Amino acid sequence: MNYKSYVVWNNKGGTGKTSLVFQLSAEYARQNPTQKVIVIDMCPQANVSSSLLVNTFSNFPGEKVVSDASKIDTKKKMKSFEPNVCGYLLSRLDRDESVKGSINWNQFLIQASVFNKFVPDNLRLLCGDIYLEVLSKRLEQERQLVPTRYDNPWRRVTLFMKDFIEFISSSNKQVFHMFFIDTNPSFSIYTEMAITGARRMVVPFTQDDFSVSAIKSMLYSVYGFTSEDSERLEGLKESQYFWLAEKYGISPPKLHLFINNRATFYGTKAAAAFAAIGNEVSASLLKVYIKSQDIFETATELSSLDLIMDINKFKMRYLIDCCDFQSTIVLSLHNGCPFSQIDPGSHTIYGSSITISKTNLEDCKYAILKIVKLL
């Protein structure tokens, strides 16, 4: 399939997942106008949708999907589904044979630039919905149905988003597709579906010990990796995503990049306290890499022995420091305006005047450009 797909996830809130998805998707689309860039919003808060469609939507996109977009009808005009993530998932759950195979899933995508002049024309959105949490109960019920000779409900439901991505990319094979998936911190069914849908994972973290713990939790939840033997974990593993995914032939995404987010810089390097957390994460990940290289995206430019023998080379490949976006990200998400479209100087947010410094704006742009080059 002619595409790349990245899920941005950490099971800790406040690490900058949504901000990164917004900025990376917009910048990648700007740099690659002949490609199709698709953002999939798998977070019930629908924040990335709110920012991408800020000029049209209320603060809750799921309540008002697209004001002037018609609903999607099946060929037999029997049912309709809203053009957002819940609409797509409901169409997959529908047991009406007239619905199956009758909907072009491209119709669930929204061209963001129709509603937001600041984003590139080649960016599409599978809009989030605040009722995704409600729908998750129905999805879990479907997934827990008893398997039959002809159907494996757990595998079928877990692959819903991967099916969507592969359909979209194969529907126009002449165009390269890039997918970015935003997620919720909780490891719920919709997060499992988001992770399953992607080929690669990007993990942002912040400079505190809680982030180190969250990364360890992520490594166990998705890949079954733990640095310590635990009878408690052993007794629970058969209900875990990683165990069921392996059992039913589902491959989780490869670990592609860890982003030391919101770091304070002195010159070109992260400040000592911020760098210390990054170094601890690198050391922990190298131990994982030595034991389980297969869960990492292959470092084509370096041999695995190079990475194992030199932690600095390992860090250069799998970890990057990203500056604190400060007020610039607040303005960016408020106006739905990527960094590349912001001018330094005075701006207004809810009637209050703020100043965007040229220095911070340039730092923000540079940080995103560095990450995009690694995708």
Protein backbone atom coordinates (compact mmCIF):
# COMPACT_ATOMS: atom_id res chain seq x y z
CA MET A 1 0.00 0.00 0.00
CA ASN A 2 1.31 3.43 -1.00
CA TYR A 3 1.07 5.24 2.33
CA LYS A 4 2.63 6.01 5.70
CA SER A 5 0.66 6.15 8.92
CA TYR A 6 1.61 7.54 12.33
CA VAL A 7 -0.29 7.31 15.58
CA VAL A 8 0.73 9.82 18.25
CA TRP A 9 0.13 8.34 21.68
CA ASN A 10 1.23 8.28 25.28
CA ASN A 11 -1.03 7.04 28.05
CA LYS A 12 -0.39 10.23 29.98
CA GLY A 13 -2.30 13.44 29.42
CA GLY A 14 -0.71 16.79 28.69
CA THR A 15 2.22 15.54 26.63
CA GLY A 16 1.24 17.53 23.52
CA LYS A 17 -0.27 14.81 21.34
CA THR A 18 -2.95 16.99 19.75
CA SER A 19 -0.65 19.97 19.27
CA LEU A 20 1.87 17.77 17.47
CA VAL A 21 -0.74 16.12 15.24
CA PHE A 22 -2.09 19.54 14.24
CA GLN A 23 1.31 21.06 13.50
CA LEU A 24 2.90 18.01 11.87
CA SER A 25 -0.04 17.28 9.59
CA ALA A 26 -0.32 20.90 8.46
CA GLU A 27 3.42 21.29 7.88
CA TYR A 28 3.75 17.96 6.09
CA ALA A 29 0.81 18.87 3.86
CA ARG A 30 2.39 22.25 3.11
CA GLN A 31 5.68 20.65 2.12
CA ASN A 32 4.06 17.90 0.04
CA PRO A 33 1.21 19.47 -1.96
CA THR A 34 0.92 16.51 -4.36
CA GLN A 35 0.27 14.07 -1.53
CA LYS A 36 -2.97 13.51 0.39
CA VAL A 37 -2.66 14.08 4.14
CA ILE A 38 -5.37 12.62 6.35
CA VAL A 39 -5.88 13.40 10.04
CA ILE A 40 -7.93 10.86 11.99
CA ASP A 41 -9.30 12.16 15.28
CA MET A 42 -9.69 9.22 17.66
CA CYS A 43 -10.04 11.30 20.82
CA PRO A 44 -13.54 11.90 22.29
CA GLN A 45 -12.53 15.47 23.10
CA ALA A 46 -12.14 16.08 19.34
CA ASN A 47 -9.61 18.83 19.98
CA VAL A 48 -7.60 18.45 16.79
CA SER A 49 -10.87 18.64 14.83
CA SER A 50 -11.80 21.82 16.70
CA SER A 51 -8.52 23.41 15.65
CA LEU A 52 -8.51 22.21 12.05
CA LEU A 53 -12.10 23.38 11.56
CA VAL A 54 -12.09 26.26 14.02
CA ASN A 55 -13.64 28.76 11.59
CA THR A 56 -16.83 26.71 11.25
CA PHE A 57 -17.20 24.49 14.27
CA SER A 58 -18.30 25.13 17.77
CA ASN A 59 -15.98 23.97 20.55
CA PHE A 60 -17.58 20.53 20.30
CA PRO A 61 -17.33 19.23 16.71
CA GLY A 62 -19.36 16.12 17.49
CA GLU A 63 -22.42 18.22 18.30
CA LYS A 64 -22.28 20.04 15.00
CA VAL A 65 -20.35 18.06 12.46
CA VAL A 66 -20.28 20.28 9.36
CA SER A 67 -23.00 22.87 9.19
CA ASP A 68 -23.39 22.81 5.42
CA ALA A 69 -22.36 19.22 4.67
CA SER A 70 -25.10 16.76 3.79
CA LYS A 71 -25.27 13.37 5.40
CA ILE A 72 -23.89 10.35 3.59
CA ASP A 73 -26.57 8.12 2.10
CA THR A 74 -26.27 4.47 1.20
CA LYS A 75 -27.10 3.49 -2.35
CA LYS A 76 -30.55 2.32 -1.36
CA LYS A 77 -31.23 5.53 0.61
CA MET A 78 -32.17 3.52 3.66
CA LYS A 79 -29.79 4.97 6.23
CA SER A 80 -27.41 7.86 6.66
CA PHE A 81 -24.26 8.40 8.68
CA GLU A 82 -22.63 11.64 9.77
CA PRO A 83 -19.23 12.37 8.17
CA ASN A 84 -17.16 11.83 11.30
CA VAL A 85 -15.46 9.00 13.15
CA CYS A 86 -18.66 7.83 14.85
CA GLY A 87 -20.49 7.84 11.53
CA TYR A 88 -17.84 5.60 10.03
CA LEU A 89 -17.81 3.23 12.99
CA LEU A 90 -21.61 3.02 13.06
CA SER A 91 -21.59 2.09 9.38
CA ARG A 92 -19.22 -0.76 10.22
CA LEU A 93 -21.48 -1.97 13.02
CA ASP A 94 -24.61 -1.87 10.87
CA ARG A 95 -25.95 -5.37 10.25
CA ASP A 96 -28.12 -4.31 7.31
CA GLU A 97 -26.76 -6.14 4.26
CA SER A 98 -27.80 -3.21 2.06
CA VAL A 99 -25.32 -0.99 3.91
CA LYS A 100 -22.32 -3.29 3.68
CA GLY A 101 -20.17 -2.39 0.69
CA SER A 102 -22.49 0.41 -0.40
CA ILE A 103 -20.63 3.38 1.09
CA ASN A 104 -17.49 4.95 -0.29
CA TRP A 105 -15.53 5.65 2.88
CA ASN A 106 -13.87 8.66 1.25
CA GLN A 107 -17.16 10.44 1.88
CA PHE A 108 -16.49 10.42 5.61
CA LEU A 109 -13.52 12.74 5.06
CA ILE A 110 -13.75 16.53 5.22
CA GLN A 111 -11.53 18.89 3.25
CA ALA A 112 -10.36 21.10 6.09
CA SER A 113 -9.41 24.08 3.89
CA VAL A 114 -13.05 24.54 2.88
CA PHE A 115 -13.68 25.68 6.46
CA ASN A 116 -10.25 26.91 7.54
CA LYS A 117 -8.24 29.09 5.15
CA PHE A 118 -5.01 28.53 7.10
CA VAL A 119 -4.59 24.82 6.34
CA PRO A 120 -3.42 23.35 3.01
CA ASP A 121 -5.90 22.16 0.40
CA ASN A 122 -4.53 18.61 0.44
CA LEU A 123 -5.40 18.00 4.09
CA ARG A 124 -8.43 15.85 4.90
CA LEU A 125 -10.00 15.10 8.27
CA LEU A 126 -11.95 12.22 9.72
CA CYS A 127 -13.62 14.45 12.27
CA GLY A 128 -13.76 13.51 15.93
CA ASP A 129 -16.97 13.16 17.90
CA ILE A 130 -17.60 13.75 21.60
CA TYR A 131 -19.89 10.71 21.57
CA LEU A 132 -17.05 8.34 20.71
CA GLU A 133 -16.89 7.44 24.40
CA VAL A 134 -20.57 6.47 24.32
CA LEU A 135 -20.08 4.44 21.16
CA SER A 136 -17.11 2.63 22.70
CA LYS A 137 -19.50 0.57 24.85
CA ARG A 138 -21.23 -0.70 21.73
CA LEU A 139 -17.89 -1.40 20.04
CA GLU A 140 -16.72 -3.42 23.03
CA GLN A 141 -19.95 -5.42 23.05
CA GLU A 142 -19.42 -6.26 19.38
CA ARG A 143 -15.81 -7.22 19.98
CA GLN A 144 -16.77 -9.60 22.79
CA LEU A 145 -19.20 -11.64 20.69
CA VAL A 146 -18.43 -15.33 20.52
CA PRO A 147 -16.13 -16.14 17.57
CA THR A 148 -17.48 -18.42 14.89
CA ARG A 149 -15.93 -20.36 12.06
CA TYR A 150 -16.54 -17.41 9.76
CA ASP A 151 -16.05 -14.41 12.04
CA ASN A 152 -13.58 -13.29 14.69
CA PRO A 153 -15.26 -10.27 16.31
CA TRP A 154 -12.24 -9.15 18.34
CA ARG A 155 -9.98 -9.04 15.30
CA ARG A 156 -12.66 -7.58 13.02
CA VAL A 157 -13.55 -4.65 15.29
CA THR A 158 -9.98 -3.91 16.32
CA LEU A 159 -9.04 -3.57 12.64
CA PHE A 160 -11.80 -1.04 11.79
CA MET A 161 -9.40 1.92 11.53
CA LYS A 162 -6.75 -0.04 9.67
CA ASP A 163 -9.46 -1.07 7.19
CA PHE A 164 -10.36 2.60 6.75
CA ILE A 165 -6.76 3.65 6.14
CA GLU A 166 -6.13 0.88 3.63
CA PHE A 167 -9.37 1.65 1.79
CA ILE A 168 -8.56 5.36 1.50
CA SER A 169 -5.00 4.73 0.33
CA SER A 170 -6.03 2.07 -2.21
CA SER A 171 -8.90 4.13 -3.63
CA ASN A 172 -6.38 6.40 -5.37
CA LYS A 173 -3.18 4.45 -5.86
CA GLN A 174 -1.58 7.20 -7.95
CA VAL A 175 -1.43 9.51 -4.90
CA PHE A 176 0.77 8.95 -1.86
CA HIS A 177 -1.16 9.16 1.40
CA MET A 178 0.13 10.26 4.82
CA PHE A 179 -2.03 9.53 7.87
CA PHE A 180 -1.77 11.14 11.31
CA ILE A 181 -3.90 9.71 14.13
CA ASP A 182 -4.65 11.72 17.27
CA THR A 183 -5.47 9.77 20.41
CA ASN A 184 -6.77 9.89 23.95
CA PRO A 185 -4.44 9.04 26.86
CA SER A 186 -6.67 6.19 28.07
CA PHE A 187 -5.99 2.75 26.63
CA SER A 188 -9.62 2.22 25.68
CA ILE A 189 -11.01 0.31 22.73
CA TYR A 190 -10.87 3.34 20.42
CA THR A 191 -7.23 3.87 21.38
CA GLU A 192 -6.49 0.23 20.61
CA MET A 193 -8.17 0.70 17.23
CA ALA A 194 -6.12 3.84 16.58
CA ILE A 195 -2.86 2.12 17.48
CA THR A 196 -3.73 -0.92 15.37
CA GLY A 197 -4.48 1.31 12.39
CA ALA A 198 -0.98 2.82 12.21
CA ARG A 199 2.29 1.42 10.96
CA ARG A 200 4.42 3.63 13.19
CA MET A 201 4.07 5.22 16.62
CA VAL A 202 5.32 8.60 17.81
CA VAL A 203 5.48 8.99 21.59
CA PRO A 204 5.66 12.51 23.08
CA PHE A 205 6.63 12.87 26.71
CA THR A 206 7.27 15.69 29.16
CA GLN A 207 10.06 16.28 31.64
CA ASP A 208 8.86 14.49 34.75
CA ASP A 209 9.15 11.06 36.31
CA PHE A 210 5.50 10.39 35.52
CA SER A 211 6.33 10.37 31.80
CA VAL A 212 9.01 7.75 32.36
CA SER A 213 6.43 5.57 34.13
CA ALA A 214 3.90 6.19 31.35
CA ILE A 215 6.37 5.02 28.70
CA LYS A 216 6.98 1.82 30.67
CA SER A 217 3.22 1.30 30.88
CA MET A 218 2.90 1.90 27.13
CA LEU A 219 5.60 -0.67 26.38
CA TYR A 220 3.68 -3.28 28.34
CA SER A 221 0.18 -2.39 27.13
CA VAL A 222 1.06 -2.38 23.42
CA TYR A 223 4.03 -4.74 23.17
CA GLY A 224 3.91 -6.85 26.33
CA PHE A 225 7.38 -5.71 27.32
CA THR A 226 8.18 -5.48 31.01
CA SER A 227 11.53 -5.12 32.72
CA GLU A 228 10.47 -7.18 35.72
CA ASP A 229 8.81 -10.52 36.26
CA SER A 230 5.42 -10.16 37.89
CA GLU A 231 2.98 -12.90 38.80
CA ARG A 232 0.24 -10.30 38.84
CA LEU A 233 0.93 -9.30 35.21
CA GLU A 234 1.32 -12.93 34.18
CA GLY A 235 -2.16 -13.69 35.45
CA LEU A 236 -3.68 -10.77 33.53
CA LYS A 237 -1.91 -11.05 30.20
CA GLU A 238 -4.54 -13.11 28.37
CA SER A 239 -6.96 -10.17 28.54
CA GLN A 240 -4.42 -7.62 27.33
CA TYR A 241 -4.23 -6.01 23.90
CA PHE A 242 -0.71 -7.22 23.12
CA TRP A 243 -1.60 -10.85 23.90
CA LEU A 244 -4.86 -10.84 21.95
CA ALA A 245 -3.25 -8.98 19.03
CA GLU A 246 -0.57 -11.65 18.72
CA LYS A 247 -3.15 -14.41 19.12
CA TYR A 248 -5.31 -13.03 16.31
CA GLY A 249 -2.52 -12.03 13.94
CA ILE A 250 -2.54 -8.25 14.42
CA SER A 251 0.75 -6.36 14.27
CA PRO A 252 1.14 -3.27 16.48
CA PRO A 253 2.94 -0.23 15.05
CA LYS A 254 6.70 0.08 15.17
CA LEU A 255 8.17 2.58 17.63
CA HIS A 256 9.42 5.35 15.38
CA LEU A 257 10.20 8.41 17.50
CA PHE A 258 10.10 9.68 21.08
CA ILE A 259 9.68 13.45 21.45
CA ASN A 260 11.05 15.15 24.56
CA ASN A 261 8.34 17.79 24.41
CA ARG A 262 8.14 21.29 25.88
CA ALA A 263 11.83 21.43 26.75
CA THR A 264 13.54 24.66 27.74
CA PHE A 265 16.62 25.33 25.65
CA TYR A 266 19.87 27.13 26.30
CA GLY A 267 21.38 27.75 22.91
CA THR A 268 20.86 24.63 20.80
CA LYS A 269 20.57 22.15 23.68
CA ALA A 270 17.85 21.32 26.18
CA ALA A 271 18.43 22.64 29.70
CA ALA A 272 20.06 20.21 32.12
CA ALA A 273 16.89 19.17 33.97
CA PHE A 274 15.01 18.55 30.72
CA ALA A 275 17.95 16.73 29.17
CA ALA A 276 18.23 14.51 32.25
CA ILE A 277 14.73 13.12 31.70
CA GLY A 278 15.50 12.60 28.02
CA ASN A 279 18.68 10.74 28.90
CA GLU A 280 16.82 8.49 31.33
CA VAL A 281 14.21 7.70 28.69
CA SER A 282 16.97 6.95 26.16
CA ALA A 283 18.74 4.62 28.59
CA SER A 284 15.48 2.79 29.38
CA LEU A 285 14.59 2.46 25.71
CA LEU A 286 18.03 1.15 24.79
CA LYS A 287 17.52 -1.68 27.28
CA VAL A 288 14.23 -2.44 25.56
CA TYR A 289 15.88 -2.25 22.13
CA ILE A 290 18.57 -4.75 23.14
CA LYS A 291 15.90 -7.29 24.10
CA SER A 292 13.17 -6.47 21.55
CA GLN A 293 14.55 -4.79 18.43
CA ASP A 294 11.55 -5.98 16.43
CA ILE A 295 9.19 -3.47 18.07
CA PHE A 296 11.27 -0.52 16.81
CA GLU A 297 11.21 0.93 13.32
CA THR A 298 14.38 -0.19 11.55
CA ALA A 299 17.17 2.37 11.57
CA THR A 300 18.21 1.95 7.94
CA GLU A 301 21.17 4.30 8.20
CA LEU A 302 22.72 2.46 11.17
CA SER A 303 23.19 -1.17 12.11
CA SER A 304 21.57 -2.51 15.26
CA LEU A 305 25.05 -3.09 16.66
CA ASP A 306 25.89 0.61 16.17
CA LEU A 307 22.82 1.58 18.17
CA ILE A 308 23.46 -0.93 20.94
CA MET A 309 27.09 0.05 21.37
CA ASP A 310 26.58 3.82 21.29
CA ILE A 311 23.71 5.34 23.27
CA ASN A 312 24.29 8.71 21.59
CA LYS A 313 23.61 7.16 18.18
CA PHE A 314 20.55 5.43 19.60
CA LYS A 315 19.30 8.72 21.00
CA MET A 316 19.92 10.54 17.71
CA ARG A 317 17.80 7.96 15.88
CA TYR A 318 14.87 7.52 18.25
CA LEU A 319 14.66 10.63 20.43
CA ILE A 320 14.38 14.32 19.65
CA ASP A 321 14.10 17.38 21.90
CA CYS A 322 11.27 19.79 21.11
CA CYS A 323 11.03 23.30 22.52
CA ASP A 324 8.17 24.69 24.60
CA PHE A 325 5.74 26.34 22.16
CA GLN A 326 4.58 28.82 24.85
CA SER A 327 1.92 31.36 23.77
CA THR A 328 2.47 30.53 20.12
CA ILE A 329 0.67 27.18 20.40
CA VAL A 330 -2.25 28.79 22.27
CA LEU A 331 -2.76 31.24 19.41
CA SER A 332 -2.20 28.55 16.80
CA LEU A 333 -4.84 26.16 18.12
CA HIS A 334 -7.27 28.98 18.94
CA ASN A 335 -7.18 30.32 15.37
CA GLY A 336 -6.60 27.01 13.60
CA CYS A 337 -3.45 28.55 12.20
CA PRO A 338 -0.26 26.44 11.84
CA PHE A 339 3.05 27.95 12.87
CA SER A 340 3.99 28.54 9.23
CA GLN A 341 1.02 30.92 8.84
CA ILE A 342 1.55 32.98 12.01
CA ASP A 343 3.18 36.40 11.99
CA PRO A 344 5.08 37.67 15.04
CA GLY A 345 3.66 40.63 16.91
CA SER A 346 0.35 41.52 18.52
CA HIS A 347 -2.69 39.19 18.32
CA THR A 348 -6.04 38.93 20.09
CA ILE A 349 -7.53 35.94 21.92
CA TYR A 350 -11.02 36.39 23.39
CA GLY A 351 -10.54 40.14 23.43
CA SER A 352 -7.18 40.02 25.19
CA SER A 353 -4.03 41.18 23.46
CA ILE A 354 -1.05 38.83 23.37
CA THR A 355 2.38 39.18 21.80
CA ILE A 356 4.07 36.45 19.80
CA SER A 357 7.82 36.91 19.86
CA LYS A 358 9.75 36.36 16.66
CA THR A 359 12.31 34.25 18.51
CA ASN A 360 9.79 31.78 19.93
CA LEU A 361 7.89 31.59 16.65
CA GLU A 362 11.08 30.71 14.77
CA ASP A 363 11.94 28.13 17.43
CA CYS A 364 8.48 26.56 17.02
CA LYS A 365 8.80 26.41 13.25
CA TYR A 366 12.27 24.89 13.47
CA ALA A 367 11.14 22.24 15.96
CA ILE A 368 8.30 21.08 13.71
CA LEU A 369 10.53 21.08 10.63
CA LYS A 370 13.03 18.84 12.43
CA ILE A 371 10.34 16.32 13.32
CA VAL A 372 8.76 16.33 9.84
CA LYS A 373 12.15 15.43 8.35
CA LEU A 374 12.17 12.30 10.49
CA LEU A 375 8.79 11.04 9.30
